[in-house]
Amino acid sequence: MSVRLWFVRLIQPFAGRFPGPFYRIAPWAGWLAFTLHRGMARRLVRNMLPLTGGDRKAAEAAALAVSQNIARYFVDLCTIPERLMERFEADHLELVNGDRLAVLKEPGPVIAMSAHSGNAELAIQALTFRGRPFVALVEAQRPRAWSRYLIRLRSSAGGRFYETSFQGIRACLATLQEGGLVGFMGDRDIQGNGLCVDLCGRMVRLPRGPWEIARRSRALVLPVFTARIEDDRFRLFVEEPFRVDQTDDEEADILAAVERFAGLLETHLRRDPGQWAFTEDFWRVHACG
């Protein structure tokens, strides 16, 4: 059993029921990890530099905030089985352009497209209590026991989470055919077949799979981005919904959708870089062009 799995299993019953003290400890745990794990710290700083215009001090401050928000995210995970998710939107979400969520009352499939900032998992799950079944794809983790445990935690509030696999894609397509809500992350190309676009002045690959599904299903794409305000309070930014074009040039249609999302993503990353929770060397791993 991995140390991470052992530790989260140990604290989950306590952090889930009494999250307050754990949220207060989390920033210190994030600071300690940032201080001791110098390799991770360097990667985080490199990730932040394009978002801060190359300002080294600002990048270091944002990188520390990322480490602290990652620690808070683990507390979030522990609380999912104990949450009243039907109350999450009212008690823990501050909506920006919330009137755009009215599309969830209209018939037809919807894809919520987000990024690894704040905690999109919690925010999008809360939207299921507007009357739609919810399915989301997440990246498989190692070791397998840790990945399975994360799936159980994430799925304990009513939504269904799947690893990015044939089974997961099939579940997403079935949910869309039923007029449900599917959640995707659009900022990390884990399958390695993404499209090369400009993001913050760097050419990187962003995933194409979600946009292929959106085009095929004619689902309405609802871009949403979250930022943590404090502990387990979040601000949810709802962008203008749109559909992927269906012209004779499928590749051009998908590329246009990815570029549109990249523009939205850049706006939110530059506004508050410390929300973007990546520990990999993003600009090197996903570089292209």
Protein backbone atom coordinates (compact mmCIF):
# COMPACT_ATOMS: atom_id res chain seq x y z
CA MET A 1 0.00 0.00 0.00
CA SER A 2 1.38 3.41 -0.94
CA VAL A 3 2.10 5.96 1.78
CA ARG A 4 -0.36 8.38 0.19
CA LEU A 5 -3.16 5.81 0.15
CA TRP A 6 -2.44 4.74 3.71
CA PHE A 7 -2.40 8.35 4.94
CA VAL A 8 -5.63 9.44 3.21
CA ARG A 9 -7.45 6.32 4.38
CA LEU A 10 -6.27 7.02 7.91
CA ILE A 11 -7.46 10.63 8.05
CA GLN A 12 -10.58 10.34 5.87
CA PRO A 13 -13.09 9.46 8.63
CA PHE A 14 -11.88 12.39 10.75
CA ALA A 15 -11.29 14.96 7.97
CA GLY A 16 -14.60 14.02 6.38
CA ARG A 17 -16.62 14.72 9.53
CA PHE A 18 -14.52 17.52 11.02
CA PRO A 19 -12.84 19.25 8.05
CA GLY A 20 -12.23 22.63 9.73
CA PRO A 21 -8.96 21.76 11.54
CA PHE A 22 -7.65 19.91 8.49
CA TYR A 23 -8.29 22.88 6.21
CA ARG A 24 -6.34 25.03 8.68
CA ILE A 25 -3.44 22.59 8.67
CA ALA A 26 -3.41 22.12 4.88
CA PRO A 27 -1.58 25.39 3.99
CA TRP A 28 1.24 24.44 6.35
CA ALA A 29 1.40 20.94 4.88
CA GLY A 30 1.59 22.49 1.40
CA TRP A 31 4.33 24.86 2.54
CA LEU A 32 6.30 21.94 4.02
CA ALA A 33 5.99 19.91 0.82
CA PHE A 34 7.08 22.92 -1.24
CA THR A 35 10.07 23.51 1.05
CA LEU A 36 11.28 19.91 1.26
CA HIS A 37 10.44 18.63 -2.23
CA ARG A 38 12.72 20.90 -4.23
CA GLY A 39 12.18 19.06 -7.51
CA MET A 40 8.44 19.59 -7.27
CA ALA A 41 8.95 23.21 -6.24
CA ARG A 42 11.10 23.89 -9.32
CA ARG A 43 8.48 22.33 -11.60
CA LEU A 44 5.73 24.42 -10.03
CA VAL A 45 7.73 27.61 -10.46
CA ARG A 46 8.41 26.76 -14.13
CA ASN A 47 4.68 26.14 -14.63
CA MET A 48 3.88 29.56 -13.18
CA LEU A 49 6.44 31.64 -15.10
CA PRO A 50 4.41 31.96 -18.35
CA LEU A 51 1.34 32.90 -16.29
CA THR A 52 3.14 35.69 -14.45
CA GLY A 53 4.82 37.24 -17.49
CA GLY A 54 8.20 35.81 -16.44
CA ASP A 55 8.14 37.53 -13.04
CA ARG A 56 10.20 35.12 -10.92
CA LYS A 57 9.00 36.34 -7.51
CA ALA A 58 5.37 36.25 -8.58
CA ALA A 59 5.91 32.76 -10.01
CA GLU A 60 7.43 31.52 -6.74
CA ALA A 61 4.51 32.94 -4.74
CA ALA A 62 2.00 31.36 -7.10
CA ALA A 63 3.88 28.03 -7.00
CA LEU A 64 3.67 27.97 -3.20
CA ALA A 65 -0.07 28.70 -3.45
CA VAL A 66 -0.42 25.74 -5.83
CA SER A 67 1.24 23.41 -3.32
CA GLN A 68 -1.05 24.68 -0.56
CA ASN A 69 -4.15 24.29 -2.72
CA ILE A 70 -3.14 20.72 -3.56
CA ALA A 71 -3.03 19.98 0.17
CA ARG A 72 -6.51 21.51 0.52
CA TYR A 73 -7.69 19.34 -2.38
CA PHE A 74 -6.86 16.20 -0.40
CA VAL A 75 -9.05 17.49 2.40
CA ASP A 76 -11.79 18.08 -0.19
CA LEU A 77 -11.55 14.44 -1.23
CA CYS A 78 -11.92 13.24 2.35
CA THR A 79 -15.11 15.27 2.80
CA ILE A 80 -16.99 14.01 -0.28
CA PRO A 81 -18.63 10.95 1.37
CA GLU A 82 -19.91 13.15 4.21
CA ARG A 83 -21.20 16.11 2.19
CA LEU A 84 -24.80 17.03 1.52
CA MET A 85 -24.13 17.75 -2.13
CA GLU A 86 -27.64 19.08 -2.67
CA ARG A 87 -26.61 21.99 -0.41
CA PHE A 88 -23.14 22.50 -1.89
CA GLU A 89 -24.12 25.08 -4.49
CA ALA A 90 -26.03 27.20 -1.98
CA ASP A 91 -23.48 26.92 0.83
CA HIS A 92 -20.11 26.72 -0.91
CA LEU A 93 -20.36 28.22 -4.41
CA GLU A 94 -20.28 31.83 -5.50
CA LEU A 95 -21.51 32.02 -9.09
CA VAL A 96 -20.18 34.40 -11.73
CA ASN A 97 -22.53 34.61 -14.74
CA GLY A 98 -24.70 32.04 -12.99
CA ASP A 99 -27.64 32.88 -15.26
CA ARG A 100 -25.86 30.85 -17.97
CA LEU A 101 -26.59 27.71 -15.96
CA ALA A 102 -30.17 28.03 -17.18
CA VAL A 103 -29.13 25.81 -20.10
CA LEU A 104 -29.18 22.88 -17.66
CA LYS A 105 -32.98 23.17 -17.60
CA GLU A 106 -33.20 22.81 -21.37
CA PRO A 107 -33.44 19.40 -23.06
CA GLY A 108 -30.39 17.84 -24.68
CA PRO A 109 -26.92 16.68 -23.61
CA VAL A 110 -24.47 19.05 -21.92
CA ILE A 111 -20.70 18.78 -21.51
CA ALA A 112 -19.14 20.76 -18.68
CA MET A 113 -15.59 21.54 -19.82
CA SER A 114 -13.21 22.64 -17.11
CA ALA A 115 -9.59 22.64 -15.95
CA HIS A 116 -7.46 21.60 -12.98
CA SER A 117 -8.04 24.83 -11.06
CA GLY A 118 -9.87 25.31 -7.80
CA ASN A 119 -11.86 22.09 -7.52
CA ALA A 120 -13.98 21.60 -10.61
CA GLU A 121 -14.96 18.08 -9.52
CA LEU A 122 -16.94 19.35 -6.53
CA ALA A 123 -18.44 22.30 -8.36
CA ILE A 124 -19.67 20.31 -11.36
CA GLN A 125 -21.02 17.52 -9.14
CA ALA A 126 -23.07 20.15 -7.31
CA LEU A 127 -24.72 21.06 -10.61
CA THR A 128 -26.19 17.57 -10.86
CA PHE A 129 -28.75 18.66 -8.28
CA ARG A 130 -30.21 20.88 -10.97
CA GLY A 131 -31.75 17.67 -12.29
CA ARG A 132 -29.23 15.89 -14.52
CA PRO A 133 -27.29 12.63 -14.09
CA PHE A 134 -23.55 13.23 -14.04
CA VAL A 135 -20.58 11.26 -15.38
CA ALA A 136 -16.94 12.40 -15.53
CA LEU A 137 -13.67 11.04 -16.83
CA VAL A 138 -10.52 11.32 -14.70
CA GLU A 139 -6.93 10.28 -15.22
CA ALA A 140 -5.85 6.85 -13.98
CA GLN A 141 -3.38 6.99 -11.11
CA ARG A 142 -0.60 4.75 -9.85
CA PRO A 143 -0.59 2.48 -7.97
CA ARG A 144 -3.89 0.90 -8.99
CA ALA A 145 -5.13 0.68 -5.40
CA TRP A 146 -4.78 4.46 -5.06
CA SER A 147 -6.65 5.03 -8.32
CA ARG A 148 -9.52 2.76 -7.30
CA TYR A 149 -9.76 4.46 -3.91
CA LEU A 150 -9.95 7.90 -5.55
CA ILE A 151 -12.74 6.71 -7.85
CA ARG A 152 -14.72 5.47 -4.84
CA LEU A 153 -14.28 8.76 -2.99
CA ARG A 154 -15.19 10.89 -5.99
CA SER A 155 -18.26 8.77 -6.81
CA SER A 156 -19.59 8.73 -3.24
CA ALA A 157 -21.63 11.94 -3.66
CA GLY A 158 -23.90 10.71 -6.44
CA GLY A 159 -21.94 11.38 -9.63
CA ARG A 160 -20.16 8.58 -11.48
CA PHE A 161 -16.44 8.88 -12.16
CA TYR A 162 -14.51 6.68 -14.58
CA GLU A 163 -10.91 6.48 -15.62
CA THR A 164 -10.19 7.51 -19.19
CA SER A 165 -10.77 4.13 -20.82
CA PHE A 166 -13.14 2.44 -23.24
CA GLN A 167 -15.56 1.77 -20.38
CA GLY A 168 -15.44 5.40 -19.28
CA ILE A 169 -15.96 6.78 -22.78
CA ARG A 170 -18.88 4.39 -23.31
CA ALA A 171 -20.48 5.60 -20.05
CA CYS A 172 -20.05 9.22 -21.16
CA LEU A 173 -21.65 8.55 -24.56
CA ALA A 174 -24.56 6.72 -22.93
CA THR A 175 -25.12 9.61 -20.50
CA LEU A 176 -25.10 12.14 -23.33
CA GLN A 177 -27.57 10.06 -25.33
CA GLU A 178 -29.87 10.20 -22.28
CA GLY A 179 -29.54 14.00 -22.12
CA GLY A 180 -27.29 13.98 -19.07
CA LEU A 181 -24.28 16.03 -17.94
CA VAL A 182 -20.72 14.89 -18.63
CA GLY A 183 -17.61 16.50 -17.17
CA PHE A 184 -14.24 16.70 -18.93
CA MET A 185 -10.95 18.41 -18.16
CA GLY A 186 -9.63 20.24 -21.19
CA ASP A 187 -6.16 21.29 -20.02
CA ARG A 188 -4.11 18.07 -20.00
CA ASP A 189 -3.49 15.77 -22.95
CA ILE A 190 -3.16 12.44 -21.13
CA GLN A 191 -3.74 10.35 -24.28
CA GLY A 192 -0.94 12.01 -26.24
CA ASN A 193 -3.01 12.72 -29.35
CA GLY A 194 -3.97 16.31 -28.60
CA LEU A 195 -3.98 19.34 -30.87
CA CYS A 196 -1.19 21.91 -30.83
CA VAL A 197 -2.44 25.36 -29.80
CA ASP A 198 -1.13 28.56 -28.28
CA LEU A 199 -1.59 28.86 -24.52
CA CYS A 200 0.02 31.78 -22.69
CA GLY A 201 2.51 32.27 -25.51
CA ARG A 202 3.61 28.61 -25.53
CA MET A 203 2.66 25.94 -28.05
CA VAL A 204 1.22 22.96 -26.18
CA ARG A 205 -1.03 19.98 -26.85
CA LEU A 206 -4.52 20.12 -25.39
CA PRO A 207 -6.85 17.09 -25.53
CA ARG A 208 -8.98 16.50 -28.59
CA GLY A 209 -11.09 13.58 -27.31
CA PRO A 210 -13.70 15.64 -25.40
CA TRP A 211 -14.24 17.85 -28.43
CA GLU A 212 -14.68 14.85 -30.73
CA ILE A 213 -17.36 13.57 -28.37
CA ALA A 214 -18.98 17.01 -28.19
CA ARG A 215 -19.09 17.24 -31.98
CA ARG A 216 -20.40 13.71 -32.46
CA SER A 217 -23.11 14.03 -29.79
CA ARG A 218 -24.07 17.63 -30.67
CA ALA A 219 -23.84 18.35 -26.95
CA LEU A 220 -23.89 21.90 -25.70
CA VAL A 221 -20.47 22.73 -24.23
CA LEU A 222 -20.60 24.68 -20.96
CA PRO A 223 -17.12 25.99 -20.06
CA VAL A 224 -16.78 26.37 -16.28
CA PHE A 225 -13.75 27.32 -14.20
CA THR A 226 -13.39 27.30 -10.44
CA ALA A 227 -11.20 29.20 -7.98
CA ARG A 228 -10.89 28.45 -4.29
CA ILE A 229 -11.86 31.46 -2.19
CA GLU A 230 -11.03 29.89 1.16
CA ASP A 231 -11.06 26.36 2.56
CA ASP A 232 -14.09 24.75 0.87
CA ARG A 233 -15.65 27.87 -0.63
CA PHE A 234 -15.28 28.33 -4.37
CA ARG A 235 -16.05 30.83 -7.08
CA LEU A 236 -17.55 29.24 -10.21
CA PHE A 237 -17.08 31.16 -13.46
CA VAL A 238 -19.63 30.14 -16.10
CA GLU A 239 -18.60 31.03 -19.64
CA GLU A 240 -20.85 31.34 -22.69
CA PRO A 241 -22.11 27.91 -23.83
CA PHE A 242 -21.41 26.88 -27.41
CA ARG A 243 -21.49 23.89 -29.76
CA VAL A 244 -18.64 22.47 -31.79
CA ASP A 245 -19.13 23.31 -35.46
CA GLN A 246 -20.16 20.54 -37.86
CA THR A 247 -18.76 21.50 -41.23
CA ASP A 248 -17.20 19.24 -43.86
CA ASP A 249 -13.81 19.73 -42.17
CA GLU A 250 -13.96 17.82 -38.90
CA GLU A 251 -10.34 18.59 -37.98
CA ALA A 252 -10.87 22.33 -38.42
CA ASP A 253 -14.06 22.18 -36.34
CA ILE A 254 -12.30 20.48 -33.44
CA LEU A 255 -9.24 22.73 -33.65
CA ALA A 256 -11.46 25.83 -33.53
CA ALA A 257 -13.16 24.51 -30.38
CA VAL A 258 -9.83 23.70 -28.69
CA GLU A 259 -8.48 27.17 -29.54
CA ARG A 260 -11.62 28.79 -28.14
CA PHE A 261 -11.25 26.85 -24.91
CA ALA A 262 -7.52 27.68 -24.74
CA GLY A 263 -8.36 31.39 -24.89
CA LEU A 264 -10.79 31.05 -22.00
CA LEU A 265 -8.35 28.93 -20.02
CA GLU A 266 -5.56 31.47 -20.44
CA THR A 267 -7.76 34.26 -19.11
CA HIS A 268 -8.51 32.33 -15.93
CA LEU A 269 -4.95 31.09 -15.41
CA ARG A 270 -3.50 34.57 -15.69
CA ARG A 271 -6.12 35.97 -13.31
CA ASP A 272 -5.05 33.67 -10.46
CA PRO A 273 -2.13 31.36 -11.37
CA GLY A 274 -1.95 29.77 -7.93
CA GLN A 275 -5.22 27.92 -8.59
CA TRP A 276 -3.74 25.71 -11.34
CA ALA A 277 -2.86 22.47 -9.55
CA PHE A 278 -0.26 20.68 -11.69
CA THR A 279 2.89 19.11 -10.26
CA GLU A 280 4.26 17.88 -13.58
CA ASP A 281 6.44 20.12 -15.73
CA PHE A 282 3.48 21.10 -17.88
CA TRP A 283 5.14 23.26 -20.54
CA ARG A 284 7.80 20.61 -21.21
CA VAL A 285 5.59 17.52 -21.05
CA HIS A 286 2.97 18.95 -23.41
CA ALA A 287 5.22 21.07 -25.63
CA CYS A 288 4.68 20.90 -29.38
CA GLY A 289 5.27 22.89 -32.54
